[in-house]
């Protein structure tokens, strides 16, 4: 999966868990929590969706690597390759 596709996937998850958020102007290099009104439960929902829908496990120690869209793509791309998706 490409980094762009991963970023799109993350935005889709965010739009599902926080439908009132405007994700149209999210800067991929700025932490998501600085741009969107996401709390810790929303963040956990993102992690849970990755596990439930895509079989991607993210250990709690790696959560900081999911701060921005760019860092999400960097972190998740090898994990998607390992799942064959």
PDB file of N, CA and C in Angstrom:
ATOM      1  N   UNK A   1       0.849  -1.171   0.000  1.00  0.00           N
ATOM      2  CA  UNK A   1       0.000   0.000   0.000  1.00  0.00           C
ATOM      3  C   UNK A   1       0.900   1.242   0.000  1.00  0.00           C
ATOM      4  N   UNK A   2       0.522   2.203  -0.803  1.00  0.00           N
ATOM      5  CA  UNK A   2       1.326   3.434  -0.893  1.00  0.00           C
ATOM      6  C   UNK A   2       1.102   4.307   0.337  1.00  0.00           C
ATOM      7  N   UNK A   3       2.039   5.213   0.561  1.00  0.00           N
ATOM      8  CA  UNK A   3       1.900   6.131   1.688  1.00  0.00           C
ATOM      9  C   UNK A   3       0.671   7.016   1.521  1.00  0.00           C
ATOM     10  N   UNK A   4       0.395   7.418   0.283  1.00  0.00           N
ATOM     11  CA  UNK A   4      -0.787   8.243   0.024  1.00  0.00           C
ATOM     12  C   UNK A   4      -2.064   7.480   0.348  1.00  0.00           C
ATOM     13  N   UNK A   5      -2.096   6.201   0.003  1.00  0.00           N
ATOM     14  CA  UNK A   5      -3.273   5.382   0.296  1.00  0.00           C
ATOM     15  C   UNK A   5      -3.442   5.195   1.805  1.00  0.00           C
ATOM     16  N   UNK A   6      -2.337   5.065   2.513  1.00  0.00           N
ATOM     17  CA  UNK A   6      -2.406   4.928   3.967  1.00  0.00           C
ATOM     18  C   UNK A   6      -2.932   6.219   4.585  1.00  0.00           C
ATOM     19  N   UNK A   7      -2.462   7.351   4.101  1.00  0.00           N
ATOM     20  CA  UNK A   7      -2.956   8.629   4.615  1.00  0.00           C
ATOM     21  C   UNK A   7      -4.452   8.767   4.364  1.00  0.00           C
ATOM     22  N   UNK A   8      -4.897   8.363   3.195  1.00  0.00           N
ATOM     23  CA  UNK A   8      -6.322   8.404   2.867  1.00  0.00           C
ATOM     24  C   UNK A   8      -7.117   7.472   3.789  1.00  0.00           C
ATOM     25  N   UNK A   9      -6.567   6.303   4.045  1.00  0.00           N
ATOM     26  CA  UNK A   9      -7.205   5.342   4.937  1.00  0.00           C
ATOM     27  C   UNK A   9      -7.358   5.926   6.343  1.00  0.00           C
ATOM     28  N   UNK A  10      -6.317   6.574   6.846  1.00  0.00           N
ATOM     29  CA  UNK A  10      -6.370   7.187   8.172  1.00  0.00           C
ATOM     30  C   UNK A  10      -7.436   8.285   8.195  1.00  0.00           C
ATOM     31  N   UNK A  11      -7.487   9.094   7.149  1.00  0.00           N
ATOM     32  CA  UNK A  11      -8.515  10.140   7.081  1.00  0.00           C
ATOM     33  C   UNK A  11      -9.917   9.544   7.042  1.00  0.00           C
ATOM     34  N   UNK A  12     -10.072   8.419   6.339  1.00  0.00           N
ATOM     35  CA  UNK A  12     -11.376   7.744   6.301  1.00  0.00           C
ATOM     36  C   UNK A  12     -11.774   7.260   7.700  1.00  0.00           C
ATOM     37  N   UNK A  13     -10.808   6.706   8.425  1.00  0.00           N
ATOM     38  CA  UNK A  13     -11.088   6.243   9.790  1.00  0.00           C
ATOM     39  C   UNK A  13     -11.490   7.434  10.663  1.00  0.00           C
ATOM     40  N   UNK A  14     -10.750   8.535  10.537  1.00  0.00           N
ATOM     41  CA  UNK A  14     -11.067   9.724  11.328  1.00  0.00           C
ATOM     42  C   UNK A  14     -12.464  10.237  10.996  1.00  0.00           C
ATOM     43  N   UNK A  15     -12.810  10.243   9.717  1.00  0.00           N
ATOM     44  CA  UNK A  15     -14.146  10.736   9.345  1.00  0.00           C
ATOM     45  C   UNK A  15     -15.246   9.823   9.878  1.00  0.00           C
ATOM     46  N   UNK A  16     -14.949   8.531  10.054  1.00  0.00           N
ATOM     47  CA  UNK A  16     -15.934   7.615  10.634  1.00  0.00           C
ATOM     48  C   UNK A  16     -16.097   7.837  12.137  1.00  0.00           C
ATOM     49  N   UNK A  17     -14.980   8.061  12.850  1.00  0.00           N
ATOM     50  CA  UNK A  17     -15.067   8.175  14.304  1.00  0.00           C
ATOM     51  C   UNK A  17     -15.359   9.602  14.771  1.00  0.00           C
ATOM     52  N   UNK A  18     -15.063  10.579  13.917  1.00  0.00           N
ATOM     53  CA  UNK A  18     -15.327  11.983  14.254  1.00  0.00           C
ATOM     54  C   UNK A  18     -15.943  12.671  13.040  1.00  0.00           C
ATOM     55  N   UNK A  19     -17.198  12.337  12.729  1.00  0.00           N
ATOM     56  CA  UNK A  19     -17.814  12.822  11.490  1.00  0.00           C
ATOM     57  C   UNK A  19     -17.957  14.338  11.389  1.00  0.00           C
ATOM     58  N   UNK A  20     -17.896  15.034  12.507  1.00  0.00           N
ATOM     59  CA  UNK A  20     -18.035  16.491  12.468  1.00  0.00           C
ATOM     60  C   UNK A  20     -16.733  17.209  12.142  1.00  0.00           C
ATOM     61  N   UNK A  21     -15.634  16.481  12.116  1.00  0.00           N
ATOM     62  CA  UNK A  21     -14.332  17.093  11.830  1.00  0.00           C
ATOM     63  C   UNK A  21     -14.178  17.363  10.328  1.00  0.00           C
ATOM     64  N   UNK A  22     -13.620  18.515  10.003  1.00  0.00           N
ATOM     65  CA  UNK A  22     -13.318  18.854   8.608  1.00  0.00           C
ATOM     66  C   UNK A  22     -11.907  18.370   8.301  1.00  0.00           C
ATOM     67  N   UNK A  23     -11.828  17.287   7.548  1.00  0.00           N
ATOM     68  CA  UNK A  23     -10.513  16.693   7.248  1.00  0.00           C
ATOM     69  C   UNK A  23      -9.973  17.140   5.892  1.00  0.00           C
ATOM     70  N   UNK A  24     -10.654  18.069   5.249  1.00  0.00           N
ATOM     71  CA  UNK A  24     -10.277  18.458   3.888  1.00  0.00           C
ATOM     72  C   UNK A  24      -8.957  19.224   3.817  1.00  0.00           C
ATOM     73  N   UNK A  25      -8.562  19.871   4.894  1.00  0.00           N
ATOM     74  CA  UNK A  25      -7.339  20.675   4.858  1.00  0.00           C
ATOM     75  C   UNK A  25      -6.278  20.191   5.841  1.00  0.00           C
ATOM     76  N   UNK A  26      -6.280  18.913   6.142  1.00  0.00           N
ATOM     77  CA  UNK A  26      -5.302  18.382   7.091  1.00  0.00           C
ATOM     78  C   UNK A  26      -3.909  18.419   6.464  1.00  0.00           C
ATOM     79  N   UNK A  27      -2.985  19.037   7.178  1.00  0.00           N
ATOM     80  CA  UNK A  27      -1.586  19.082   6.746  1.00  0.00           C
ATOM     81  C   UNK A  27      -0.926  17.787   7.189  1.00  0.00           C
ATOM     82  N   UNK A  28      -0.353  17.006   6.265  1.00  0.00           N
ATOM     83  CA  UNK A  28       0.206  15.707   6.630  1.00  0.00           C
ATOM     84  C   UNK A  28       1.416  15.779   7.558  1.00  0.00           C
ATOM     85  N   UNK A  29       2.029  16.950   7.683  1.00  0.00           N
ATOM     86  CA  UNK A  29       3.233  17.072   8.505  1.00  0.00           C
ATOM     87  C   UNK A  29       2.983  17.640   9.894  1.00  0.00           C
ATOM     88  N   UNK A  30       1.750  18.039  10.173  1.00  0.00           N
ATOM     89  CA  UNK A  30       1.397  18.618  11.469  1.00  0.00           C
ATOM     90  C   UNK A  30       0.646  17.562  12.275  1.00  0.00           C
ATOM     91  N   UNK A  31       0.966  17.420  13.564  1.00  0.00           N
ATOM     92  CA  UNK A  31       0.243  16.426  14.374  1.00  0.00           C
ATOM     93  C   UNK A  31      -1.273  16.577  14.248  1.00  0.00           C
ATOM     94  N   UNK A  32      -1.930  15.444  14.118  1.00  0.00           N
ATOM     95  CA  UNK A  32      -3.384  15.423  13.924  1.00  0.00           C
ATOM     96  C   UNK A  32      -4.118  16.103  15.073  1.00  0.00           C
ATOM     97  N   UNK A  33      -3.639  15.895  16.295  1.00  0.00           N
ATOM     98  CA  UNK A  33      -4.335  16.462  17.455  1.00  0.00           C
ATOM     99  C   UNK A  33      -4.189  17.979  17.522  1.00  0.00           C
ATOM    100  N   UNK A  34      -3.238  18.549  16.794  1.00  0.00           N
ATOM    101  CA  UNK A  34      -3.123  20.006  16.719  1.00  0.00           C
ATOM    102  C   UNK A  34      -4.088  20.588  15.679  1.00  0.00           C
ATOM    103  N   UNK A  35      -4.550  19.754  14.761  1.00  0.00           N
ATOM    104  CA  UNK A  35      -5.407  20.217  13.673  1.00  0.00           C
ATOM    105  C   UNK A  35      -6.875  19.854  13.874  1.00  0.00           C
ATOM    106  N   UNK A  36      -7.101  18.769  14.568  1.00  0.00           N
ATOM    107  CA  UNK A  36      -8.453  18.245  14.725  1.00  0.00           C
ATOM    108  C   UNK A  36      -8.775  18.092  16.205  1.00  0.00           C
ATOM    109  N   UNK A  37     -10.040  18.097  16.510  1.00  0.00           N
ATOM    110  CA  UNK A  37     -10.466  17.947  17.898  1.00  0.00           C
ATOM    111  C   UNK A  37     -10.581  16.465  18.229  1.00  0.00           C
ATOM    112  N   UNK A  38      -9.428  15.811  18.332  1.00  0.00           N
ATOM    113  CA  UNK A  38      -9.381  14.388  18.649  1.00  0.00           C
ATOM    114  C   UNK A  38      -8.895  14.211  20.080  1.00  0.00           C
ATOM    115  N   UNK A  39      -9.621  13.426  20.848  1.00  0.00           N
ATOM    116  CA  UNK A  39      -9.158  13.145  22.204  1.00  0.00           C
ATOM    117  C   UNK A  39      -8.501  11.767  22.238  1.00  0.00           C
ATOM    118  N   UNK A  40      -8.078  11.351  23.404  1.00  0.00           N
ATOM    119  CA  UNK A  40      -7.361  10.083  23.512  1.00  0.00           C
ATOM    120  C   UNK A  40      -8.244   8.896  23.125  1.00  0.00           C
ATOM    121  N   UNK A  41      -9.537   8.983  23.378  1.00  0.00           N
ATOM    122  CA  UNK A  41     -10.431   7.893  22.976  1.00  0.00           C
ATOM    123  C   UNK A  41     -10.553   7.814  21.458  1.00  0.00           C
ATOM    124  N   UNK A  42     -10.597   8.961  20.790  1.00  0.00           N
ATOM    125  CA  UNK A  42     -10.621   8.964  19.327  1.00  0.00           C
ATOM    126  C   UNK A  42      -9.360   8.317  18.783  1.00  0.00           C
ATOM    127  N   UNK A  43      -8.235   8.654  19.388  1.00  0.00           N
ATOM    128  CA  UNK A  43      -6.968   8.075  18.940  1.00  0.00           C
ATOM    129  C   UNK A  43      -6.979   6.562  19.124  1.00  0.00           C
ATOM    130  N   UNK A  44      -7.483   6.094  20.270  1.00  0.00           N
ATOM    131  CA  UNK A  44      -7.578   4.650  20.492  1.00  0.00           C
ATOM    132  C   UNK A  44      -8.523   4.003  19.486  1.00  0.00           C
ATOM    133  N   UNK A  45      -9.571   4.709  19.112  1.00  0.00           N
ATOM    134  CA  UNK A  45     -10.482   4.184  18.088  1.00  0.00           C
ATOM    135  C   UNK A  45      -9.758   4.000  16.751  1.00  0.00           C
ATOM    136  N   UNK A  46      -8.869   4.914  16.421  1.00  0.00           N
ATOM    137  CA  UNK A  46      -8.083   4.778  15.188  1.00  0.00           C
ATOM    138  C   UNK A  46      -7.240   3.509  15.256  1.00  0.00           C
ATOM    139  N   UNK A  47      -6.565   3.314  16.375  1.00  0.00           N
ATOM    140  CA  UNK A  47      -5.724   2.126  16.555  1.00  0.00           C
ATOM    141  C   UNK A  47      -6.566   0.855  16.484  1.00  0.00           C
ATOM    142  N   UNK A  48      -7.752   0.884  17.111  1.00  0.00           N
ATOM    143  CA  UNK A  48      -8.625  -0.295  17.103  1.00  0.00           C
ATOM    144  C   UNK A  48      -9.135  -0.604  15.691  1.00  0.00           C
ATOM    145  N   UNK A  49      -9.459   0.426  14.928  1.00  0.00           N
ATOM    146  CA  UNK A  49      -9.905   0.215  13.548  1.00  0.00           C
ATOM    147  C   UNK A  49      -8.790  -0.389  12.700  1.00  0.00           C
ATOM    148  N   UNK A  50      -7.566   0.059  12.913  1.00  0.00           N
ATOM    149  CA  UNK A  50      -6.440  -0.522  12.174  1.00  0.00           C
ATOM    150  C   UNK A  50      -6.328  -2.009  12.472  1.00  0.00           C
ATOM    151  N   UNK A  51      -6.531  -2.385  13.731  1.00  0.00           N
ATOM    152  CA  UNK A  51      -6.437  -3.795  14.096  1.00  0.00           C
ATOM    153  C   UNK A  51      -7.634  -4.583  13.569  1.00  0.00           C
ATOM    154  N   UNK A  52      -8.824  -4.031  13.766  1.00  0.00           N
ATOM    155  CA  UNK A  52     -10.040  -4.765  13.399  1.00  0.00           C
ATOM    156  C   UNK A  52     -10.177  -4.936  11.886  1.00  0.00           C
ATOM    157  N   UNK A  53      -9.981  -3.856  11.132  1.00  0.00           N
ATOM    158  CA  UNK A  53     -10.229  -3.905   9.692  1.00  0.00           C
ATOM    159  C   UNK A  53      -9.014  -4.321   8.869  1.00  0.00           C
ATOM    160  N   UNK A  54      -7.820  -4.126   9.422  1.00  0.00           N
ATOM    161  CA  UNK A  54      -6.626  -4.351   8.604  1.00  0.00           C
ATOM    162  C   UNK A  54      -5.603  -5.291   9.234  1.00  0.00           C
ATOM    163  N   UNK A  55      -5.881  -5.786  10.430  1.00  0.00           N
ATOM    164  CA  UNK A  55      -4.975  -6.723  11.077  1.00  0.00           C
ATOM    165  C   UNK A  55      -3.648  -6.104  11.492  1.00  0.00           C
ATOM    166  N   UNK A  56      -3.628  -4.787  11.676  1.00  0.00           N
ATOM    167  CA  UNK A  56      -2.401  -4.084  12.048  1.00  0.00           C
ATOM    168  C   UNK A  56      -2.398  -3.860  13.556  1.00  0.00           C
ATOM    169  N   UNK A  57      -1.411  -4.411  14.227  1.00  0.00           N
ATOM    170  CA  UNK A  57      -1.248  -4.200  15.663  1.00  0.00           C
ATOM    171  C   UNK A  57      -0.292  -3.036  15.884  1.00  0.00           C
ATOM    172  N   UNK A  58      -0.694  -2.099  16.722  1.00  0.00           N
ATOM    173  CA  UNK A  58       0.160  -0.963  17.080  1.00  0.00           C
ATOM    174  C   UNK A  58       0.347  -0.996  18.590  1.00  0.00           C
ATOM    175  N   UNK A  59       1.547  -1.368  19.047  1.00  0.00           N
ATOM    176  CA  UNK A  59       1.784  -1.373  20.494  1.00  0.00           C
ATOM    177  C   UNK A  59       1.711   0.046  21.064  1.00  0.00           C
ATOM    178  N   UNK A  60       1.287   0.141  22.303  1.00  0.00           N
ATOM    179  CA  UNK A  60       1.133   1.457  22.933  1.00  0.00           C
ATOM    180  C   UNK A  60       2.424   2.270  22.880  1.00  0.00           C
ATOM    181  N   UNK A  61       3.554   1.613  22.958  1.00  0.00           N
ATOM    182  CA  UNK A  61       4.840   2.327  22.918  1.00  0.00           C
ATOM    183  C   UNK A  61       5.082   3.000  21.561  1.00  0.00           C
ATOM    184  N   UNK A  62       4.361   2.560  20.527  1.00  0.00           N
ATOM    185  CA  UNK A  62       4.514   3.135  19.186  1.00  0.00           C
ATOM    186  C   UNK A  62       3.483   4.219  18.872  1.00  0.00           C
ATOM    187  N   UNK A  63       2.553   4.488  19.764  1.00  0.00           N
ATOM    188  CA  UNK A  63       1.517   5.487  19.500  1.00  0.00           C
ATOM    189  C   UNK A  63       2.070   6.838  19.058  1.00  0.00           C
ATOM    190  N   UNK A  64       3.180   7.316  19.640  1.00  0.00           N
ATOM    191  CA  UNK A  64       3.705   8.615  19.187  1.00  0.00           C
ATOM    192  C   UNK A  64       4.070   8.648  17.703  1.00  0.00           C
ATOM    193  N   UNK A  65       4.325   7.489  17.120  1.00  0.00           N
ATOM    194  CA  UNK A  65       4.667   7.437  15.698  1.00  0.00           C
ATOM    195  C   UNK A  65       3.447   7.653  14.805  1.00  0.00           C
ATOM    196  N   UNK A  66       2.281   7.726  15.394  1.00  0.00           N
ATOM    197  CA  UNK A  66       1.048   7.959  14.632  1.00  0.00           C
ATOM    198  C   UNK A  66       0.543   9.392  14.802  1.00  0.00           C
ATOM    199  N   UNK A  67       1.434  10.297  15.140  1.00  0.00           N
ATOM    200  CA  UNK A  67       1.030  11.669  15.454  1.00  0.00           C
ATOM    201  C   UNK A  67       0.471  12.416  14.251  1.00  0.00           C
ATOM    202  N   UNK A  68       1.129  12.313  13.099  1.00  0.00           N
ATOM    203  CA  UNK A  68       0.699  13.043  11.900  1.00  0.00           C
ATOM    204  C   UNK A  68       0.368  12.050  10.792  1.00  0.00           C
ATOM    205  N   UNK A  69      -0.264  12.534   9.734  1.00  0.00           N
ATOM    206  CA  UNK A  69      -0.534  11.643   8.596  1.00  0.00           C
ATOM    207  C   UNK A  69       0.760  11.108   8.007  1.00  0.00           C
ATOM    208  N   UNK A  70       1.764  11.981   7.900  1.00  0.00           N
ATOM    209  CA  UNK A  70       3.050  11.563   7.339  1.00  0.00           C
ATOM    210  C   UNK A  70       3.688  10.478   8.202  1.00  0.00           C
ATOM    211  N   UNK A  71       3.718  10.699   9.515  1.00  0.00           N
ATOM    212  CA  UNK A  71       4.341   9.693  10.377  1.00  0.00           C
ATOM    213  C   UNK A  71       3.518   8.404  10.408  1.00  0.00           C
ATOM    214  N   UNK A  72       2.192   8.505  10.283  1.00  0.00           N
ATOM    215  CA  UNK A  72       1.351   7.303  10.183  1.00  0.00           C
ATOM    216  C   UNK A  72       1.761   6.474   8.965  1.00  0.00           C
ATOM    217  N   UNK A  73       1.895   7.147   7.835  1.00  0.00           N
ATOM    218  CA  UNK A  73       2.244   6.449   6.597  1.00  0.00           C
ATOM    219  C   UNK A  73       3.624   5.810   6.709  1.00  0.00           C
ATOM    220  N   UNK A  74       4.581   6.537   7.271  1.00  0.00           N
ATOM    221  CA  UNK A  74       5.940   6.003   7.442  1.00  0.00           C
ATOM    222  C   UNK A  74       5.926   4.767   8.326  1.00  0.00           C
ATOM    223  N   UNK A  75       5.185   4.823   9.409  1.00  0.00           N
ATOM    224  CA  UNK A  75       5.136   3.727  10.365  1.00  0.00           C
ATOM    225  C   UNK A  75       4.328   2.539   9.833  1.00  0.00           C
ATOM    226  N   UNK A  76       3.202   2.819   9.195  1.00  0.00           N
ATOM    227  CA  UNK A  76       2.289   1.746   8.808  1.00  0.00           C
ATOM    228  C   UNK A  76       2.644   1.057   7.494  1.00  0.00           C
ATOM    229  N   UNK A  77       3.335   1.736   6.597  1.00  0.00           N
ATOM    230  CA  UNK A  77       3.605   1.134   5.289  1.00  0.00           C
ATOM    231  C   UNK A  77       4.270  -0.245   5.398  1.00  0.00           C
ATOM    232  N   UNK A  78       5.340  -0.417   6.175  1.00  0.00           N
ATOM    233  CA  UNK A  78       5.916  -1.774   6.276  1.00  0.00           C
ATOM    234  C   UNK A  78       4.962  -2.778   6.914  1.00  0.00           C
ATOM    235  N   UNK A  79       4.100  -2.330   7.801  1.00  0.00           N
ATOM    236  CA  UNK A  79       3.141  -3.241   8.434  1.00  0.00           C
ATOM    237  C   UNK A  79       2.100  -3.723   7.414  1.00  0.00           C
ATOM    238  N   UNK A  80       1.667  -2.841   6.512  1.00  0.00           N
ATOM    239  CA  UNK A  80       0.730  -3.262   5.471  1.00  0.00           C
ATOM    240  C   UNK A  80       1.414  -4.228   4.508  1.00  0.00           C
ATOM    241  N   UNK A  81       2.676  -4.012   4.237  1.00  0.00           N
ATOM    242  CA  UNK A  81       3.402  -4.929   3.352  1.00  0.00           C
ATOM    243  C   UNK A  81       3.488  -6.310   3.977  1.00  0.00           C
ATOM    244  N   UNK A  82       3.642  -6.370   5.299  1.00  0.00           N
ATOM    245  CA  UNK A  82       3.724  -7.657   5.985  1.00  0.00           C
ATOM    246  C   UNK A  82       2.391  -8.385   6.003  1.00  0.00           C
ATOM    247  N   UNK A  83       1.287  -7.654   5.895  1.00  0.00           N
ATOM    248  CA  UNK A  83      -0.026  -8.299   5.885  1.00  0.00           C
ATOM    249  C   UNK A  83      -0.453  -8.679   4.470  1.00  0.00           C
ATOM    250  N   UNK A  84       0.308  -8.232   3.474  1.00  0.00           N
ATOM    251  CA  UNK A  84      -0.026  -8.536   2.098  1.00  0.00           C
ATOM    252  C   UNK A  84      -1.128  -7.650   1.537  1.00  0.00           C
ATOM    253  N   UNK A  85      -1.385  -6.527   2.172  1.00  0.00           N
ATOM    254  CA  UNK A  85      -2.441  -5.610   1.701  1.00  0.00           C
ATOM    255  C   UNK A  85      -1.842  -4.455   0.979  1.00  0.00           C
TER     256      UNK A  85
END
